[in-house]
C-alpha atoms as a PDB file:
ATOM      1  CA  MET A   1      15.351 -38.895 -10.497  1.00  0.00           C
ATOM      2  CA  ARG A   2      18.044 -41.546 -10.851  1.00  0.00           C
ATOM      3  CA  THR A   3      19.701 -42.338 -14.142  1.00  0.00           C
ATOM      4  CA  PRO A   4      19.087 -45.938 -15.229  1.00  0.00           C
ATOM      5  CA  PHE A   5      21.981 -48.341 -14.760  1.00  0.00           C
ATOM      6  CA  ILE A   6      22.377 -49.165 -18.424  1.00  0.00           C
ATOM      7  CA  ILE A   7      22.643 -45.455 -19.314  1.00  0.00           C
ATOM      8  CA  ARG A   8      25.358 -44.959 -16.701  1.00  0.00           C
ATOM      9  CA  LEU A   9      27.168 -48.060 -17.938  1.00  0.00           C
ATOM     10  CA  LEU A  10      27.047 -47.025 -21.594  1.00  0.00           C
ATOM     11  CA  SER A  11      28.102 -43.445 -20.869  1.00  0.00           C
ATOM     12  CA  ALA A  12      31.123 -44.713 -18.931  1.00  0.00           C
ATOM     13  CA  MET A  13      32.393 -46.783 -21.877  1.00  0.00           C
ATOM     14  CA  SER A  14      35.480 -45.531 -23.651  1.00  0.00           C
ATOM     15  CA  ARG A  15      35.982 -45.346 -27.394  1.00  0.00           C
ATOM     16  CA  THR A  16      37.713 -48.725 -27.443  1.00  0.00           C
ATOM     17  CA  GLY A  17      34.786 -50.210 -25.529  1.00  0.00           C
ATOM     18  CA  TRP A  18      32.342 -48.956 -28.149  1.00  0.00           C
ATOM     19  CA  ILE A  19      34.541 -50.327 -30.931  1.00  0.00           C
ATOM     20  CA  ALA A  20      34.728 -53.701 -29.178  1.00  0.00           C
ATOM     21  CA  LEU A  21      30.946 -53.773 -28.715  1.00  0.00           C
ATOM     22  CA  ALA A  22      30.338 -52.905 -32.377  1.00  0.00           C
ATOM     23  CA  ALA A  23      32.872 -55.522 -33.509  1.00  0.00           C
ATOM     24  CA  PHE A  24      31.208 -58.182 -31.348  1.00  0.00           C
ATOM     25  CA  ALA A  25      27.762 -57.333 -32.722  1.00  0.00           C
ATOM     26  CA  ALA A  26      28.980 -57.335 -36.331  1.00  0.00           C
ATOM     27  CA  LEU A  27      30.881 -60.569 -35.816  1.00  0.00           C
ATOM     28  CA  THR A  28      27.834 -62.237 -34.303  1.00  0.00           C
ATOM     29  CA  LEU A  29      25.505 -61.070 -37.083  1.00  0.00           C
ATOM     30  CA  ILE A  30      27.928 -62.211 -39.785  1.00  0.00           C
ATOM     31  CA  VAL A  31      29.399 -65.373 -38.269  1.00  0.00           C
ATOM     32  CA  MET A  32      26.152 -67.072 -37.169  1.00  0.00           C
ATOM     33  CA  PRO A  33      24.606 -67.251 -40.672  1.00  0.00           C
ATOM     34  CA  ALA A  34      28.009 -68.165 -42.133  1.00  0.00           C
ATOM     35  CA  LEU A  35      28.350 -71.067 -39.698  1.00  0.00           C
ATOM     36  CA  HIS A  36      24.876 -72.197 -40.681  1.00  0.00           C
ATOM     37  CA  LEU A  37      25.559 -72.093 -44.425  1.00  0.00           C
ATOM     38  CA  TRP A  38      29.135 -73.271 -44.806  1.00  0.00           C
ATOM     39  CA  VAL A  39      29.856 -75.605 -41.887  1.00  0.00           C
ATOM     40  CA  PRO A  40      28.679 -79.221 -42.297  1.00  0.00           C
ATOM     41  CA  GLU A  41      25.946 -80.439 -39.966  1.00  0.00           C
ATOM     42  CA  SER A  42      28.245 -83.015 -38.395  1.00  0.00           C
ATOM     43  CA  SER A  43      30.561 -80.280 -37.098  1.00  0.00           C
ATOM     44  CA  PRO A  44      30.131 -78.979 -33.535  1.00  0.00           C
ATOM     45  CA  PHE A  45      30.396 -75.435 -34.925  1.00  0.00           C
ATOM     46  CA  HIS A  46      27.293 -75.815 -37.092  1.00  0.00           C
ATOM     47  CA  VAL A  47      24.473 -73.439 -36.107  1.00  0.00           C
ATOM     48  CA  SER A  48      21.068 -75.053 -36.579  1.00  0.00           C
ATOM     49  CA  THR A  49      18.126 -73.540 -38.409  1.00  0.00           C
ATOM     50  CA  TYR A  50      16.263 -73.367 -35.099  1.00  0.00           C
ATOM     51  CA  VAL A  51      18.951 -71.153 -33.543  1.00  0.00           C
ATOM     52  CA  ILE A  52      18.977 -68.831 -36.566  1.00  0.00           C
ATOM     53  CA  THR A  53      15.173 -68.556 -36.484  1.00  0.00           C
ATOM     54  CA  LEU A  54      15.129 -68.006 -32.728  1.00  0.00           C
ATOM     55  CA  SER A  55      17.808 -65.312 -33.011  1.00  0.00           C
ATOM     56  CA  GLY A  56      15.753 -63.521 -35.664  1.00  0.00           C
ATOM     57  CA  LYS A  57      12.665 -63.576 -33.457  1.00  0.00           C
ATOM     58  CA  ILE A  58      14.633 -62.298 -30.480  1.00  0.00           C
ATOM     59  CA  LEU A  59      16.071 -59.449 -32.553  1.00  0.00           C
ATOM     60  CA  CYS A  60      12.604 -58.500 -33.856  1.00  0.00           C
ATOM     61  CA  TYR A  61      11.148 -58.385 -30.357  1.00  0.00           C
ATOM     62  CA  ALA A  62      14.192 -56.470 -29.105  1.00  0.00           C
ATOM     63  CA  ILE A  63      13.742 -53.807 -31.792  1.00  0.00           C
ATOM     64  CA  VAL A  64      10.061 -53.407 -30.894  1.00  0.00           C
ATOM     65  CA  ALA A  65      10.870 -53.246 -27.176  1.00  0.00           C
ATOM     66  CA  LEU A  66      13.615 -50.689 -27.754  1.00  0.00           C
ATOM     67  CA  ALA A  67      11.375 -48.511 -29.906  1.00  0.00           C
ATOM     68  CA  MET A  68       8.553 -48.656 -27.354  1.00  0.00           C
ATOM     69  CA  ASP A  69      10.969 -47.870 -24.529  1.00  0.00           C
ATOM     70  CA  LEU A  70      12.394 -44.878 -26.342  1.00  0.00           C
ATOM     71  CA  ILE A  71       9.101 -43.319 -27.386  1.00  0.00           C
ATOM     72  CA  TRP A  72       7.069 -44.206 -24.298  1.00  0.00           C
ATOM     73  CA  GLY A  73       9.737 -44.170 -21.603  1.00  0.00           C
ATOM     74  CA  TYR A  74      11.681 -41.055 -22.479  1.00  0.00           C
ATOM     75  CA  ALA A  75       9.140 -39.003 -24.412  1.00  0.00           C
ATOM     76  CA  GLY A  76       6.090 -40.090 -22.419  1.00  0.00           C
ATOM     77  CA  ILE A  77       4.043 -40.642 -25.571  1.00  0.00           C
ATOM     78  CA  LEU A  78       2.163 -43.876 -26.171  1.00  0.00           C
ATOM     79  CA  SER A  79       2.571 -44.544 -29.869  1.00  0.00           C
ATOM     80  CA  LEU A  80       0.555 -47.334 -31.418  1.00  0.00           C
ATOM     81  CA  GLY A  81       2.379 -46.885 -34.710  1.00  0.00           C
ATOM     82  CA  HIS A  82       5.071 -49.348 -33.658  1.00  0.00           C
ATOM     83  CA  GLY A  83       2.421 -51.965 -32.977  1.00  0.00           C
ATOM     84  CA  LEU A  84       0.854 -51.259 -36.354  1.00  0.00           C
ATOM     85  CA  PHE A  85       4.068 -51.988 -38.249  1.00  0.00           C
ATOM     86  CA  PHE A  86       4.765 -55.061 -36.112  1.00  0.00           C
ATOM     87  CA  ALA A  87       1.249 -56.409 -36.723  1.00  0.00           C
ATOM     88  CA  LEU A  88       1.467 -55.582 -40.423  1.00  0.00           C
ATOM     89  CA  GLY A  89       4.670 -57.612 -40.667  1.00  0.00           C
ATOM     90  CA  GLY A  90       2.971 -60.571 -38.984  1.00  0.00           C
ATOM     91  CA  TYR A  91      -0.033 -60.333 -41.292  1.00  0.00           C
ATOM     92  CA  VAL A  92       2.122 -60.134 -44.414  1.00  0.00           C
ATOM     93  CA  PHE A  93       4.143 -63.137 -43.285  1.00  0.00           C
ATOM     94  CA  GLY A  94       0.921 -65.068 -42.714  1.00  0.00           C
ATOM     95  CA  MET A  95      -0.223 -64.179 -46.218  1.00  0.00           C
ATOM     96  CA  TYR A  96       3.128 -65.351 -47.560  1.00  0.00           C
ATOM     97  CA  LEU A  97       2.753 -68.685 -45.768  1.00  0.00           C
ATOM     98  CA  MET A  98      -0.724 -69.157 -47.221  1.00  0.00           C
ATOM     99  CA  ARG A  99       0.632 -68.513 -50.735  1.00  0.00           C
ATOM    100  CA  GLN A 100       3.316 -71.134 -50.203  1.00  0.00           C
ATOM    101  CA  ILE A 101       0.779 -73.883 -49.473  1.00  0.00           C
ATOM    102  CA  GLY A 102      -0.116 -74.393 -53.119  1.00  0.00           C
ATOM    103  CA  THR A 103      -2.750 -73.816 -55.760  1.00  0.00           C
ATOM    104  CA  ASP A 104      -4.192 -77.308 -56.229  1.00  0.00           C
ATOM    105  CA  GLY A 105      -6.981 -76.802 -53.696  1.00  0.00           C
ATOM    106  CA  SER A 106      -5.831 -79.400 -51.186  1.00  0.00           C
ATOM    107  CA  TYR A 107      -3.471 -77.932 -48.659  1.00  0.00           C
ATOM    108  CA  GLN A 108      -1.902 -81.145 -47.352  1.00  0.00           C
ATOM    109  CA  SER A 109      -0.129 -79.095 -44.754  1.00  0.00           C
ATOM    110  CA  LEU A 110      -0.081 -78.903 -40.999  1.00  0.00           C
ATOM    111  CA  LEU A 111      -0.332 -75.120 -41.184  1.00  0.00           C
ATOM    112  CA  PRO A 112      -3.671 -73.798 -39.910  1.00  0.00           C
ATOM    113  CA  ASP A 113      -5.960 -72.068 -42.375  1.00  0.00           C
ATOM    114  CA  PHE A 114      -6.196 -68.779 -40.500  1.00  0.00           C
ATOM    115  CA  MET A 115      -6.775 -66.369 -43.377  1.00  0.00           C
END
């Protein structure tokens, strides 16, 4: 059985390579929200709300994919527990959105009433 390419690539990295990768990840996770908060919208370095939201979604899906790959790919066990926590997070966020609509009885929102 062949070793996957990414495993060979990561095992060949030196200590300085790992430090550089960790520094890049930390810099990205710290600098993107900072550019969104502190840089004016007229600046070319401003990161929009859409990009921040999209990055969060991508990271969430990447964590789920990584967890499924580790448990299913290497251990050979299909675990539905990851899907449970992912679905629970979606349900809780939907409940949060419904609470944010208001209490006056008229929604006046474009959000669908899915609860």
